Amino acid sequence: MIRHFYHNVYSSLSFGLLYDRKKALRYSVRGKKSFSVTTDLCLNFQIKGRCDVDQEFQQRESSGAAEFIWDVTNFNKDQDLRIKVGYEAFEKVPYVQIRENNWTLNVDLKGRWNVRYGL
């Protein structure tokens, strides 16, 4: 995956190749743009999108979202908190993500949820 982050405009763009379990090669394009809502950079608005296509450009999987991100540093001692509230445009479903250091809780309005722990 080739990624480039544009520091002066808070955006990133990446191109890559994926090799999945079906032993199929896929191409991937991702983009993300962030806008600061407050001057202290605690609240941001972010737009992101992704498109994966197969080798013959026949099958395409797309995703895109708009989300507000609130970062709270030192929520408690040595504990950071990030809350995302967003809308997935292709599935047409709102979602919430709450992240505390290594723990992440994801919930959407279709009833899907998961808890992750990152090492």
PDB file of N, CA and C in Angstrom:
ATOM      1  N   MET A   1       0.852  -1.166   0.000  1.00  0.00           N
ATOM      2  CA  MET A   1       0.000   0.000   0.000  1.00  0.00           C
ATOM      3  C   MET A   1       0.900   1.232   0.000  1.00  0.00           C
ATOM      4  N   ILE A   2       0.626   2.131  -0.879  1.00  0.00           N
ATOM      5  CA  ILE A   2       1.350   3.398  -0.947  1.00  0.00           C
ATOM      6  C   ILE A   2       0.442   4.462  -0.361  1.00  0.00           C
ATOM      7  N   ARG A   3       0.925   5.152   0.685  1.00  0.00           N
ATOM      8  CA  ARG A   3       0.125   6.189   1.341  1.00  0.00           C
ATOM      9  C   ARG A   3       0.893   7.496   1.357  1.00  0.00           C
ATOM     10  N   HIS A   4       0.140   8.563   1.270  1.00  0.00           N
ATOM     11  CA  HIS A   4       0.747   9.880   1.392  1.00  0.00           C
ATOM     12  C   HIS A   4      -0.179  10.750   2.233  1.00  0.00           C
ATOM     13  N   PHE A   5       0.401  11.416   3.221  1.00  0.00           N
ATOM     14  CA  PHE A   5      -0.356  12.307   4.099  1.00  0.00           C
ATOM     15  C   PHE A   5       0.047  13.734   3.785  1.00  0.00           C
ATOM     16  N   TYR A   6      -0.925  14.572   3.497  1.00  0.00           N
ATOM     17  CA  TYR A   6      -0.687  15.980   3.215  1.00  0.00           C
ATOM     18  C   TYR A   6      -0.907  16.757   4.510  1.00  0.00           C
ATOM     19  N   HIS A   7       0.169  17.116   5.197  1.00  0.00           N
ATOM     20  CA  HIS A   7       0.087  17.743   6.517  1.00  0.00           C
ATOM     21  C   HIS A   7      -0.623  19.090   6.505  1.00  0.00           C
ATOM     22  N   ASN A   8      -0.417  19.875   5.477  1.00  0.00           N
ATOM     23  CA  ASN A   8      -0.969  21.229   5.482  1.00  0.00           C
ATOM     24  C   ASN A   8      -2.472  21.270   5.209  1.00  0.00           C
ATOM     25  N   VAL A   9      -3.055  20.192   4.697  1.00  0.00           N
ATOM     26  CA  VAL A   9      -4.495  20.189   4.428  1.00  0.00           C
ATOM     27  C   VAL A   9      -5.224  19.053   5.149  1.00  0.00           C
ATOM     28  N   TYR A  10      -4.570  18.367   6.080  1.00  0.00           N
ATOM     29  CA  TYR A  10      -5.177  17.291   6.871  1.00  0.00           C
ATOM     30  C   TYR A  10      -5.890  16.263   5.996  1.00  0.00           C
ATOM     31  N   SER A  11      -5.199  15.754   4.989  1.00  0.00           N
ATOM     32  CA  SER A  11      -5.808  14.746   4.136  1.00  0.00           C
ATOM     33  C   SER A  11      -4.784  13.681   3.785  1.00  0.00           C
ATOM     34  N   SER A  12      -5.284  12.523   3.388  1.00  0.00           N
ATOM     35  CA  SER A  12      -4.401  11.438   2.977  1.00  0.00           C
ATOM     36  C   SER A  12      -5.018  10.727   1.786  1.00  0.00           C
ATOM     37  N   LEU A  13      -4.169  10.107   0.997  1.00  0.00           N
ATOM     38  CA  LEU A  13      -4.577   9.380  -0.190  1.00  0.00           C
ATOM     39  C   LEU A  13      -3.695   8.157  -0.300  1.00  0.00           C
ATOM     40  N   SER A  14      -4.281   7.007  -0.613  1.00  0.00           N
ATOM     41  CA  SER A  14      -3.478   5.792  -0.727  1.00  0.00           C
ATOM     42  C   SER A  14      -3.979   4.928  -1.876  1.00  0.00           C
ATOM     43  N   PHE A  15      -3.050   4.231  -2.491  1.00  0.00           N
ATOM     44  CA  PHE A  15      -3.322   3.277  -3.556  1.00  0.00           C
ATOM     45  C   PHE A  15      -2.656   1.975  -3.164  1.00  0.00           C
ATOM     46  N   GLY A  16      -3.281   0.855  -3.483  1.00  0.00           N
ATOM     47  CA  GLY A  16      -2.659  -0.400  -3.095  1.00  0.00           C
ATOM     48  C   GLY A  16      -3.213  -1.598  -3.822  1.00  0.00           C
ATOM     49  N   LEU A  17      -2.574  -2.733  -3.559  1.00  0.00           N
ATOM     50  CA  LEU A  17      -2.992  -4.025  -4.070  1.00  0.00           C
ATOM     51  C   LEU A  17      -3.353  -4.905  -2.889  1.00  0.00           C
ATOM     52  N   LEU A  18      -4.434  -5.645  -3.016  1.00  0.00           N
ATOM     53  CA  LEU A  18      -4.872  -6.564  -1.971  1.00  0.00           C
ATOM     54  C   LEU A  18      -4.919  -7.969  -2.552  1.00  0.00           C
ATOM     55  N   TYR A  19      -4.533  -8.944  -1.743  1.00  0.00           N
ATOM     56  CA  TYR A  19      -4.624 -10.342  -2.139  1.00  0.00           C
ATOM     57  C   TYR A  19      -5.470 -11.035  -1.089  1.00  0.00           C
ATOM     58  N   ASP A  20      -6.689 -11.448  -1.442  1.00  0.00           N
ATOM     59  CA  ASP A  20      -7.618 -11.963  -0.439  1.00  0.00           C
ATOM     60  C   ASP A  20      -7.606 -13.487  -0.350  1.00  0.00           C
ATOM     61  N   ARG A  21      -8.481 -14.031   0.490  1.00  0.00           N
ATOM     62  CA  ARG A  21      -8.551 -15.474   0.748  1.00  0.00           C
ATOM     63  C   ARG A  21      -8.945 -16.277  -0.479  1.00  0.00           C
ATOM     64  N   LYS A  22      -9.639 -15.660  -1.394  1.00  0.00           N
ATOM     65  CA  LYS A  22     -10.061 -16.345  -2.618  1.00  0.00           C
ATOM     66  C   LYS A  22      -8.944 -16.380  -3.654  1.00  0.00           C
ATOM     67  N   LYS A  23      -7.760 -15.976  -3.247  1.00  0.00           N
ATOM     68  CA  LYS A  23      -6.584 -15.908  -4.121  1.00  0.00           C
ATOM     69  C   LYS A  23      -6.850 -15.006  -5.322  1.00  0.00           C
ATOM     70  N   ALA A  24      -7.486 -13.905  -5.049  1.00  0.00           N
ATOM     71  CA  ALA A  24      -7.795 -12.933  -6.090  1.00  0.00           C
ATOM     72  C   ALA A  24      -7.083 -11.624  -5.780  1.00  0.00           C
ATOM     73  N   LEU A  25      -6.558 -11.017  -6.807  1.00  0.00           N
ATOM     74  CA  LEU A  25      -5.881  -9.732  -6.682  1.00  0.00           C
ATOM     75  C   LEU A  25      -6.910  -8.622  -6.835  1.00  0.00           C
ATOM     76  N   ARG A  26      -6.852  -7.643  -5.946  1.00  0.00           N
ATOM     77  CA  ARG A  26      -7.770  -6.514  -5.978  1.00  0.00           C
ATOM     78  C   ARG A  26      -6.974  -5.216  -5.868  1.00  0.00           C
ATOM     79  N   TYR A  27      -7.492  -4.171  -6.483  1.00  0.00           N
ATOM     80  CA  TYR A  27      -6.896  -2.847  -6.400  1.00  0.00           C
ATOM     81  C   TYR A  27      -7.690  -2.026  -5.392  1.00  0.00           C
ATOM     82  N   SER A  28      -7.003  -1.156  -4.671  1.00  0.00           N
ATOM     83  CA  SER A  28      -7.654  -0.372  -3.630  1.00  0.00           C
ATOM     84  C   SER A  28      -7.238   1.092  -3.725  1.00  0.00           C
ATOM     85  N   VAL A  29      -8.218   1.974  -3.529  1.00  0.00           N
ATOM     86  CA  VAL A  29      -7.977   3.419  -3.465  1.00  0.00           C
ATOM     87  C   VAL A  29      -8.709   3.933  -2.232  1.00  0.00           C
ATOM     88  N   ARG A  30      -8.010   4.718  -1.406  1.00  0.00           N
ATOM     89  CA  ARG A  30      -8.605   5.310  -0.203  1.00  0.00           C
ATOM     90  C   ARG A  30      -8.292   6.797  -0.164  1.00  0.00           C
ATOM     91  N   GLY A  31      -9.200   7.540   0.418  1.00  0.00           N
ATOM     92  CA  GLY A  31      -8.969   8.962   0.610  1.00  0.00           C
ATOM     93  C   GLY A  31      -9.641   9.435   1.882  1.00  0.00           C
ATOM     94  N   LYS A  32      -9.039  10.440   2.508  1.00  0.00           N
ATOM     95  CA  LYS A  32      -9.581  10.973   3.757  1.00  0.00           C
ATOM     96  C   LYS A  32      -9.261  12.464   3.829  1.00  0.00           C
ATOM     97  N   LYS A  33     -10.229  13.245   4.267  1.00  0.00           N
ATOM     98  CA  LYS A  33     -10.041  14.688   4.431  1.00  0.00           C
ATOM     99  C   LYS A  33     -10.649  15.090   5.758  1.00  0.00           C
ATOM    100  N   SER A  34      -9.907  15.845   6.550  1.00  0.00           N
ATOM    101  CA  SER A  34     -10.348  16.250   7.878  1.00  0.00           C
ATOM    102  C   SER A  34     -10.405  17.770   7.967  1.00  0.00           C
ATOM    103  N   PHE A  35     -11.454  18.261   8.623  1.00  0.00           N
ATOM    104  CA  PHE A  35     -11.644  19.689   8.839  1.00  0.00           C
ATOM    105  C   PHE A  35     -11.762  19.934  10.336  1.00  0.00           C
ATOM    106  N   SER A  36     -11.005  20.874  10.850  1.00  0.00           N
ATOM    107  CA  SER A  36     -11.083  21.205  12.265  1.00  0.00           C
ATOM    108  C   SER A  36     -12.307  22.078  12.520  1.00  0.00           C
ATOM    109  N   VAL A  37     -13.105  21.689  13.507  1.00  0.00           N
ATOM    110  CA  VAL A  37     -14.299  22.452  13.862  1.00  0.00           C
ATOM    111  C   VAL A  37     -13.974  23.477  14.941  1.00  0.00           C
ATOM    112  N   THR A  38     -13.067  23.117  15.848  1.00  0.00           N
ATOM    113  CA  THR A  38     -12.658  24.021  16.922  1.00  0.00           C
ATOM    114  C   THR A  38     -11.193  24.399  16.742  1.00  0.00           C
ATOM    115  N   THR A  39     -10.783  25.467  17.380  1.00  0.00           N
ATOM    116  CA  THR A  39      -9.397  25.924  17.244  1.00  0.00           C
ATOM    117  C   THR A  39      -8.409  25.051  18.001  1.00  0.00           C
ATOM    118  N   ASP A  40      -8.863  24.336  19.023  1.00  0.00           N
ATOM    119  CA  ASP A  40      -7.950  23.486  19.798  1.00  0.00           C
ATOM    120  C   ASP A  40      -7.818  22.078  19.214  1.00  0.00           C
ATOM    121  N   LEU A  41      -8.408  21.820  18.039  1.00  0.00           N
ATOM    122  CA  LEU A  41      -8.324  20.547  17.315  1.00  0.00           C
ATOM    123  C   LEU A  41      -8.932  19.369  18.068  1.00  0.00           C
ATOM    124  N   CYS A  42      -9.788  19.618  19.045  1.00  0.00           N
ATOM    125  CA  CYS A  42     -10.454  18.528  19.775  1.00  0.00           C
ATOM    126  C   CYS A  42     -11.649  17.976  19.006  1.00  0.00           C
ATOM    127  N   LEU A  43     -12.301  18.802  18.208  1.00  0.00           N
ATOM    128  CA  LEU A  43     -13.467  18.368  17.445  1.00  0.00           C
ATOM    129  C   LEU A  43     -13.177  18.557  15.963  1.00  0.00           C
ATOM    130  N   ASN A  44     -13.283  17.461  15.208  1.00  0.00           N
ATOM    131  CA  ASN A  44     -13.006  17.481  13.776  1.00  0.00           C
ATOM    132  C   ASN A  44     -14.170  16.873  13.010  1.00  0.00           C
ATOM    133  N   PHE A  45     -14.310  17.304  11.766  1.00  0.00           N
ATOM    134  CA  PHE A  45     -15.251  16.698  10.829  1.00  0.00           C
ATOM    135  C   PHE A  45     -14.421  16.017   9.766  1.00  0.00           C
ATOM    136  N   GLN A  46     -14.730  14.754   9.485  1.00  0.00           N
ATOM    137  CA  GLN A  46     -13.900  13.980   8.567  1.00  0.00           C
ATOM    138  C   GLN A  46     -14.765  13.316   7.501  1.00  0.00           C
ATOM    139  N   ILE A  47     -14.282  13.349   6.272  1.00  0.00           N
ATOM    140  CA  ILE A  47     -14.912  12.654   5.151  1.00  0.00           C
ATOM    141  C   ILE A  47     -13.912  11.622   4.665  1.00  0.00           C
ATOM    142  N   LYS A  48     -14.372  10.376   4.473  1.00  0.00           N
ATOM    143  CA  LYS A  48     -13.462   9.338   4.008  1.00  0.00           C
ATOM    144  C   LYS A  48     -14.182   8.415   3.043  1.00  0.00           C
ATOM    145  N   GLY A  49     -13.413   7.837   2.141  1.00  0.00           N
ATOM    146  CA  GLY A  49     -13.979   6.923   1.160  1.00  0.00           C
ATOM    147  C   GLY A  49     -12.968   5.880   0.750  1.00  0.00           C
ATOM    148  N   ARG A  50     -13.499   4.765   0.247  1.00  0.00           N
ATOM    149  CA  ARG A  50     -12.646   3.661  -0.179  1.00  0.00           C
ATOM    150  C   ARG A  50     -13.348   2.940  -1.324  1.00  0.00           C
ATOM    151  N   CYS A  51     -12.556   2.478  -2.284  1.00  0.00           N
ATOM    152  CA  CYS A  51     -13.091   1.692  -3.384  1.00  0.00           C
ATOM    153  C   CYS A  51     -12.107   0.571  -3.696  1.00  0.00           C
ATOM    154  N   ASP A  52     -12.609  -0.664  -3.698  1.00  0.00           N
ATOM    155  CA  ASP A  52     -11.821  -1.835  -4.067  1.00  0.00           C
ATOM    156  C   ASP A  52     -12.427  -2.426  -5.331  1.00  0.00           C
ATOM    157  N   VAL A  53     -11.596  -2.740  -6.310  1.00  0.00           N
ATOM    158  CA  VAL A  53     -12.072  -3.374  -7.547  1.00  0.00           C
ATOM    159  C   VAL A  53     -11.239  -4.616  -7.815  1.00  0.00           C
ATOM    160  N   ASP A  54     -11.853  -5.572  -8.525  1.00  0.00           N
ATOM    161  CA  ASP A  54     -11.128  -6.797  -8.844  1.00  0.00           C
ATOM    162  C   ASP A  54     -10.188  -6.561 -10.023  1.00  0.00           C
ATOM    163  N   GLN A  55      -9.474  -7.607 -10.374  1.00  0.00           N
ATOM    164  CA  GLN A  55      -8.437  -7.505 -11.398  1.00  0.00           C
ATOM    165  C   GLN A  55      -9.013  -7.140 -12.768  1.00  0.00           C
ATOM    166  N   GLU A  56     -10.232  -7.574 -13.044  1.00  0.00           N
ATOM    167  CA  GLU A  56     -10.861  -7.295 -14.336  1.00  0.00           C
ATOM    168  C   GLU A  56     -11.742  -6.044 -14.297  1.00  0.00           C
ATOM    169  N   PHE A  57     -11.774  -5.359 -13.177  1.00  0.00           N
ATOM    170  CA  PHE A  57     -12.596  -4.162 -12.969  1.00  0.00           C
ATOM    171  C   PHE A  57     -14.093  -4.459 -13.138  1.00  0.00           C
ATOM    172  N   GLN A  58     -14.530  -5.673 -12.766  1.00  0.00           N
ATOM    173  CA  GLN A  58     -15.938  -6.067 -12.856  1.00  0.00           C
ATOM    174  C   GLN A  58     -16.665  -5.874 -11.528  1.00  0.00           C
ATOM    175  N   GLN A  59     -16.075  -6.349 -10.430  1.00  0.00           N
ATOM    176  CA  GLN A  59     -16.701  -6.232  -9.113  1.00  0.00           C
ATOM    177  C   GLN A  59     -16.104  -5.048  -8.370  1.00  0.00           C
ATOM    178  N   ARG A  60     -16.982  -4.253  -7.770  1.00  0.00           N
ATOM    179  CA  ARG A  60     -16.517  -3.077  -7.042  1.00  0.00           C
ATOM    180  C   ARG A  60     -17.184  -3.037  -5.678  1.00  0.00           C
ATOM    181  N   GLU A  61     -16.394  -2.765  -4.657  1.00  0.00           N
ATOM    182  CA  GLU A  61     -16.903  -2.570  -3.304  1.00  0.00           C
ATOM    183  C   GLU A  61     -16.515  -1.165  -2.866  1.00  0.00           C
ATOM    184  N   SER A  62     -17.509  -0.371  -2.518  1.00  0.00           N
ATOM    185  CA  SER A  62     -17.252   1.018  -2.131  1.00  0.00           C
ATOM    186  C   SER A  62     -17.768   1.275  -0.727  1.00  0.00           C
ATOM    187  N   SER A  63     -17.111   2.174  -0.048  1.00  0.00           N
ATOM    188  CA  SER A  63     -17.589   2.639   1.250  1.00  0.00           C
ATOM    189  C   SER A  63     -17.199   4.104   1.390  1.00  0.00           C
ATOM    190  N   GLY A  64     -18.023   4.830   2.090  1.00  0.00           N
ATOM    191  CA  GLY A  64     -17.758   6.242   2.318  1.00  0.00           C
ATOM    192  C   GLY A  64     -18.499   6.706   3.551  1.00  0.00           C
ATOM    193  N   ALA A  65     -17.906   7.617   4.273  1.00  0.00           N
ATOM    194  CA  ALA A  65     -18.523   8.063   5.517  1.00  0.00           C
ATOM    195  C   ALA A  65     -18.178   9.518   5.795  1.00  0.00           C
ATOM    196  N   ALA A  66     -19.066  10.134   6.546  1.00  0.00           N
ATOM    197  CA  ALA A  66     -18.829  11.468   7.101  1.00  0.00           C
ATOM    198  C   ALA A  66     -19.003  11.330   8.603  1.00  0.00           C
ATOM    199  N   GLU A  67     -18.056  11.878   9.361  1.00  0.00           N
ATOM    200  CA  GLU A  67     -18.107  11.675  10.810  1.00  0.00           C
ATOM    201  C   GLU A  67     -17.538  12.868  11.568  1.00  0.00           C
ATOM    202  N   PHE A  68     -18.075  13.051  12.770  1.00  0.00           N
ATOM    203  CA  PHE A  68     -17.520  14.005  13.720  1.00  0.00           C
ATOM    204  C   PHE A  68     -16.671  13.221  14.708  1.00  0.00           C
ATOM    205  N   ILE A  69     -15.486  13.740  15.008  1.00  0.00           N
ATOM    206  CA  ILE A  69     -14.553  13.065  15.909  1.00  0.00           C
ATOM    207  C   ILE A  69     -14.212  14.021  17.043  1.00  0.00           C
ATOM    208  N   TRP A  70     -14.433  13.567  18.258  1.00  0.00           N
ATOM    209  CA  TRP A  70     -14.127  14.353  19.451  1.00  0.00           C
ATOM    210  C   TRP A  70     -13.037  13.639  20.221  1.00  0.00           C
ATOM    211  N   ASP A  71     -11.876  14.269  20.341  1.00  0.00           N
ATOM    212  CA  ASP A  71     -10.736  13.723  21.080  1.00  0.00           C
ATOM    213  C   ASP A  71     -10.636  14.397  22.439  1.00  0.00           C
ATOM    214  N   VAL A  72     -10.603  13.582  23.487  1.00  0.00           N
ATOM    215  CA  VAL A  72     -10.441  14.085  24.849  1.00  0.00           C
ATOM    216  C   VAL A  72      -9.149  13.486  25.391  1.00  0.00           C
ATOM    217  N   THR A  73      -8.092  14.292  25.448  1.00  0.00           N
ATOM    218  CA  THR A  73      -6.831  13.803  25.997  1.00  0.00           C
ATOM    219  C   THR A  73      -6.862  13.921  27.512  1.00  0.00           C
ATOM    220  N   ASN A  74      -6.243  12.963  28.165  1.00  0.00           N
ATOM    221  CA  ASN A  74      -6.207  12.881  29.629  1.00  0.00           C
ATOM    222  C   ASN A  74      -7.607  12.957  30.233  1.00  0.00           C
ATOM    223  N   PHE A  75      -8.510  12.144  29.681  1.00  0.00           N
ATOM    224  CA  PHE A  75      -9.872  12.029  30.211  1.00  0.00           C
ATOM    225  C   PHE A  75      -9.819  11.663  31.689  1.00  0.00           C
ATOM    226  N   ASN A  76      -9.058  10.671  32.002  1.00  0.00           N
ATOM    227  CA  ASN A  76      -8.608  10.355  33.356  1.00  0.00           C
ATOM    228  C   ASN A  76      -7.091  10.298  33.275  1.00  0.00           C
ATOM    229  N   LYS A  77      -6.422  10.055  34.355  1.00  0.00           N
ATOM    230  CA  LYS A  77      -4.962  10.003  34.330  1.00  0.00           C
ATOM    231  C   LYS A  77      -4.495   8.893  33.380  1.00  0.00           C
ATOM    232  N   ASP A  78      -3.648   9.246  32.425  1.00  0.00           N
ATOM    233  CA  ASP A  78      -3.115   8.322  31.412  1.00  0.00           C
ATOM    234  C   ASP A  78      -4.214   7.633  30.610  1.00  0.00           C
ATOM    235  N   GLN A  79      -5.319   8.304  30.401  1.00  0.00           N
ATOM    236  CA  GLN A  79      -6.431   7.714  29.663  1.00  0.00           C
ATOM    237  C   GLN A  79      -6.965   8.734  28.664  1.00  0.00           C
ATOM    238  N   ASP A  80      -6.905   8.387  27.383  1.00  0.00           N
ATOM    239  CA  ASP A  80      -7.444   9.233  26.329  1.00  0.00           C
ATOM    240  C   ASP A  80      -8.758   8.643  25.838  1.00  0.00           C
ATOM    241  N   LEU A  81      -9.623   9.502  25.343  1.00  0.00           N
ATOM    242  CA  LEU A  81     -10.935   9.075  24.876  1.00  0.00           C
ATOM    243  C   LEU A  81     -11.193   9.694  23.511  1.00  0.00           C
ATOM    244  N   ARG A  82     -11.742   8.895  22.587  1.00  0.00           N
ATOM    245  CA  ARG A  82     -12.128   9.386  21.269  1.00  0.00           C
ATOM    246  C   ARG A  82     -13.538   8.894  20.976  1.00  0.00           C
ATOM    247  N   ILE A  83     -14.401   9.820  20.601  1.00  0.00           N
ATOM    248  CA  ILE A  83     -15.780   9.482  20.260  1.00  0.00           C
ATOM    249  C   ILE A  83     -16.021   9.900  18.812  1.00  0.00           C
ATOM    250  N   LYS A  84     -16.482   8.939  18.003  1.00  0.00           N
ATOM    251  CA  LYS A  84     -16.833   9.207  16.612  1.00  0.00           C
ATOM    252  C   LYS A  84     -18.324   8.979  16.433  1.00  0.00           C
ATOM    253  N   VAL A  85     -18.974   9.926  15.791  1.00  0.00           N
ATOM    254  CA  VAL A  85     -20.372   9.788  15.403  1.00  0.00           C
ATOM    255  C   VAL A  85     -20.412  10.039  13.907  1.00  0.00           C
ATOM    256  N   GLY A  86     -20.881   9.039  13.148  1.00  0.00           N
ATOM    257  CA  GLY A  86     -20.808   9.169  11.705  1.00  0.00           C
ATOM    258  C   GLY A  86     -21.975   8.550  10.973  1.00  0.00           C
ATOM    259  N   TYR A  87     -21.922   8.696   9.653  1.00  0.00           N
ATOM    260  CA  TYR A  87     -22.942   8.149   8.764  1.00  0.00           C
ATOM    261  C   TYR A  87     -22.240   7.485   7.598  1.00  0.00           C
ATOM    262  N   GLU A  88     -22.471   6.173   7.415  1.00  0.00           N
ATOM    263  CA  GLU A  88     -21.905   5.423   6.299  1.00  0.00           C
ATOM    264  C   GLU A  88     -22.824   5.633   5.102  1.00  0.00           C
ATOM    265  N   ALA A  89     -22.307   6.243   4.047  1.00  0.00           N
ATOM    266  CA  ALA A  89     -23.139   6.685   2.936  1.00  0.00           C
ATOM    267  C   ALA A  89     -23.643   5.545   2.055  1.00  0.00           C
ATOM    268  N   PHE A  90     -22.853   4.522   1.809  1.00  0.00           N
ATOM    269  CA  PHE A  90     -23.270   3.459   0.899  1.00  0.00           C
ATOM    270  C   PHE A  90     -24.229   2.477   1.570  1.00  0.00           C
ATOM    271  N   GLU A  91     -24.029   2.195   2.859  1.00  0.00           N
ATOM    272  CA  GLU A  91     -24.962   1.336   3.597  1.00  0.00           C
ATOM    273  C   GLU A  91     -26.125   2.138   4.174  1.00  0.00           C
ATOM    274  N   LYS A  92     -25.995   3.451   4.192  1.00  0.00           N
ATOM    275  CA  LYS A  92     -27.009   4.369   4.731  1.00  0.00           C
ATOM    276  C   LYS A  92     -27.342   4.038   6.178  1.00  0.00           C
ATOM    277  N   VAL A  93     -26.309   4.014   7.009  1.00  0.00           N
ATOM    278  CA  VAL A  93     -26.502   3.672   8.416  1.00  0.00           C
ATOM    279  C   VAL A  93     -25.636   4.574   9.299  1.00  0.00           C
ATOM    280  N   PRO A  94     -26.213   5.176  10.342  1.00  0.00           N
ATOM    281  CA  PRO A  94     -25.425   5.935  11.318  1.00  0.00           C
ATOM    282  C   PRO A  94     -24.677   4.982  12.250  1.00  0.00           C
ATOM    283  N   TYR A  95     -23.557   5.445  12.781  1.00  0.00           N
ATOM    284  CA  TYR A  95     -22.762   4.618  13.690  1.00  0.00           C
ATOM    285  C   TYR A  95     -22.079   5.478  14.739  1.00  0.00           C
ATOM    286  N   VAL A  96     -21.626   4.813  15.803  1.00  0.00           N
ATOM    287  CA  VAL A  96     -20.891   5.454  16.894  1.00  0.00           C
ATOM    288  C   VAL A  96     -19.697   4.572  17.226  1.00  0.00           C
ATOM    289  N   GLN A  97     -18.570   5.203  17.483  1.00  0.00           N
ATOM    290  CA  GLN A  97     -17.383   4.487  17.950  1.00  0.00           C
ATOM    291  C   GLN A  97     -16.845   5.211  19.180  1.00  0.00           C
ATOM    292  N   ILE A  98     -16.604   4.447  20.243  1.00  0.00           N
ATOM    293  CA  ILE A  98     -15.996   4.983  21.458  1.00  0.00           C
ATOM    294  C   ILE A  98     -14.693   4.235  21.669  1.00  0.00           C
ATOM    295  N   ARG A  99     -13.602   4.974  21.734  1.00  0.00           N
ATOM    296  CA  ARG A  99     -12.281   4.366  21.876  1.00  0.00           C
ATOM    297  C   ARG A  99     -11.585   4.944  23.095  1.00  0.00           C
ATOM    298  N   GLU A 100     -11.080   4.052  23.934  1.00  0.00           N
ATOM    299  CA  GLU A 100     -10.339   4.430  25.135  1.00  0.00           C
ATOM    300  C   GLU A 100      -9.027   3.661  25.104  1.00  0.00           C
ATOM    301  N   ASN A 101      -7.933   4.369  24.865  1.00  0.00           N
ATOM    302  CA  ASN A 101      -6.604   3.767  24.730  1.00  0.00           C
ATOM    303  C   ASN A 101      -6.649   2.515  23.851  1.00  0.00           C
ATOM    304  N   ASN A 102      -6.733   1.321  24.417  1.00  0.00           N
ATOM    305  CA  ASN A 102      -6.698   0.091  23.624  1.00  0.00           C
ATOM    306  C   ASN A 102      -8.070  -0.509  23.349  1.00  0.00           C
ATOM    307  N   TRP A 103      -9.093  -0.088  24.041  1.00  0.00           N
ATOM    308  CA  TRP A 103     -10.428  -0.652  23.881  1.00  0.00           C
ATOM    309  C   TRP A 103     -11.252   0.177  22.906  1.00  0.00           C
ATOM    310  N   THR A 104     -12.021  -0.510  22.042  1.00  0.00           N
ATOM    311  CA  THR A 104     -12.888   0.165  21.083  1.00  0.00           C
ATOM    312  C   THR A 104     -14.253  -0.509  21.068  1.00  0.00           C
ATOM    313  N   LEU A 105     -15.304   0.291  21.145  1.00  0.00           N
ATOM    314  CA  LEU A 105     -16.678  -0.192  21.023  1.00  0.00           C
ATOM    315  C   LEU A 105     -17.284   0.439  19.779  1.00  0.00           C
ATOM    316  N   ASN A 106     -17.769  -0.398  18.848  1.00  0.00           N
ATOM    317  CA  ASN A 106     -18.426   0.057  17.627  1.00  0.00           C
ATOM    318  C   ASN A 106     -19.885  -0.377  17.655  1.00  0.00           C
ATOM    319  N   VAL A 107     -20.796   0.542  17.350  1.00  0.00           N
ATOM    320  CA  VAL A 107     -22.232   0.256  17.332  1.00  0.00           C
ATOM    321  C   VAL A 107     -22.845   1.002  16.154  1.00  0.00           C
ATOM    322  N   ASP A 108     -23.776   0.334  15.425  1.00  0.00           N
ATOM    323  CA  ASP A 108     -24.526   1.047  14.398  1.00  0.00           C
ATOM    324  C   ASP A 108     -26.021   0.804  14.588  1.00  0.00           C
ATOM    325  N   LEU A 109     -26.843   1.525  13.827  1.00  0.00           N
ATOM    326  CA  LEU A 109     -28.293   1.430  14.003  1.00  0.00           C
ATOM    327  C   LEU A 109     -28.917   0.225  13.312  1.00  0.00           C
ATOM    328  N   LYS A 110     -28.121  -0.608  12.644  1.00  0.00           N
ATOM    329  CA  LYS A 110     -28.625  -1.876  12.115  1.00  0.00           C
ATOM    330  C   LYS A 110     -28.526  -2.974  13.161  1.00  0.00           C
ATOM    331  N   GLY A 111     -28.038  -2.634  14.345  1.00  0.00           N
ATOM    332  CA  GLY A 111     -27.930  -3.604  15.424  1.00  0.00           C
ATOM    333  C   GLY A 111     -26.586  -4.302  15.499  1.00  0.00           C
ATOM    334  N   ARG A 112     -25.663  -3.958  14.621  1.00  0.00           N
ATOM    335  CA  ARG A 112     -24.332  -4.570  14.661  1.00  0.00           C
ATOM    336  C   ARG A 112     -23.483  -3.866  15.705  1.00  0.00           C
ATOM    337  N   TRP A 113     -22.662  -4.628  16.396  1.00  0.00           N
ATOM    338  CA  TRP A 113     -21.756  -4.050  17.378  1.00  0.00           C
ATOM    339  C   TRP A 113     -20.573  -4.990  17.567  1.00  0.00           C
ATOM    340  N   ASN A 114     -19.463  -4.441  18.012  1.00  0.00           N
ATOM    341  CA  ASN A 114     -18.309  -5.253  18.375  1.00  0.00           C
ATOM    342  C   ASN A 114     -17.445  -4.487  19.359  1.00  0.00           C
ATOM    343  N   VAL A 115     -16.653  -5.238  20.085  1.00  0.00           N
ATOM    344  CA  VAL A 115     -15.684  -4.690  21.029  1.00  0.00           C
ATOM    345  C   VAL A 115     -14.327  -5.219  20.616  1.00  0.00           C
ATOM    346  N   ARG A 116     -13.344  -4.337  20.538  1.00  0.00           N
ATOM    347  CA  ARG A 116     -11.989  -4.730  20.139  1.00  0.00           C
ATOM    348  C   ARG A 116     -10.985  -4.282  21.188  1.00  0.00           C
ATOM    349  N   TYR A 117      -9.950  -5.074  21.310  1.00  0.00           N
ATOM    350  CA  TYR A 117      -8.820  -4.710  22.159  1.00  0.00           C
ATOM    351  C   TYR A 117      -7.575  -4.746  21.293  1.00  0.00           C
ATOM    352  N   GLY A 118      -6.890  -3.619  21.171  1.00  0.00           N
ATOM    353  CA  GLY A 118      -5.678  -3.538  20.362  1.00  0.00           C
ATOM    354  C   GLY A 118      -4.441  -3.664  21.224  1.00  0.00           C
ATOM    355  N   LEU A 119      -3.586  -4.578  20.836  1.00  0.00           N
ATOM    356  CA  LEU A 119      -2.359  -4.788  21.613  1.00  0.00           C
ATOM    357  C   LEU A 119      -1.361  -3.750  21.325  1.00  0.00           C
TER     358      LEU A 119
END
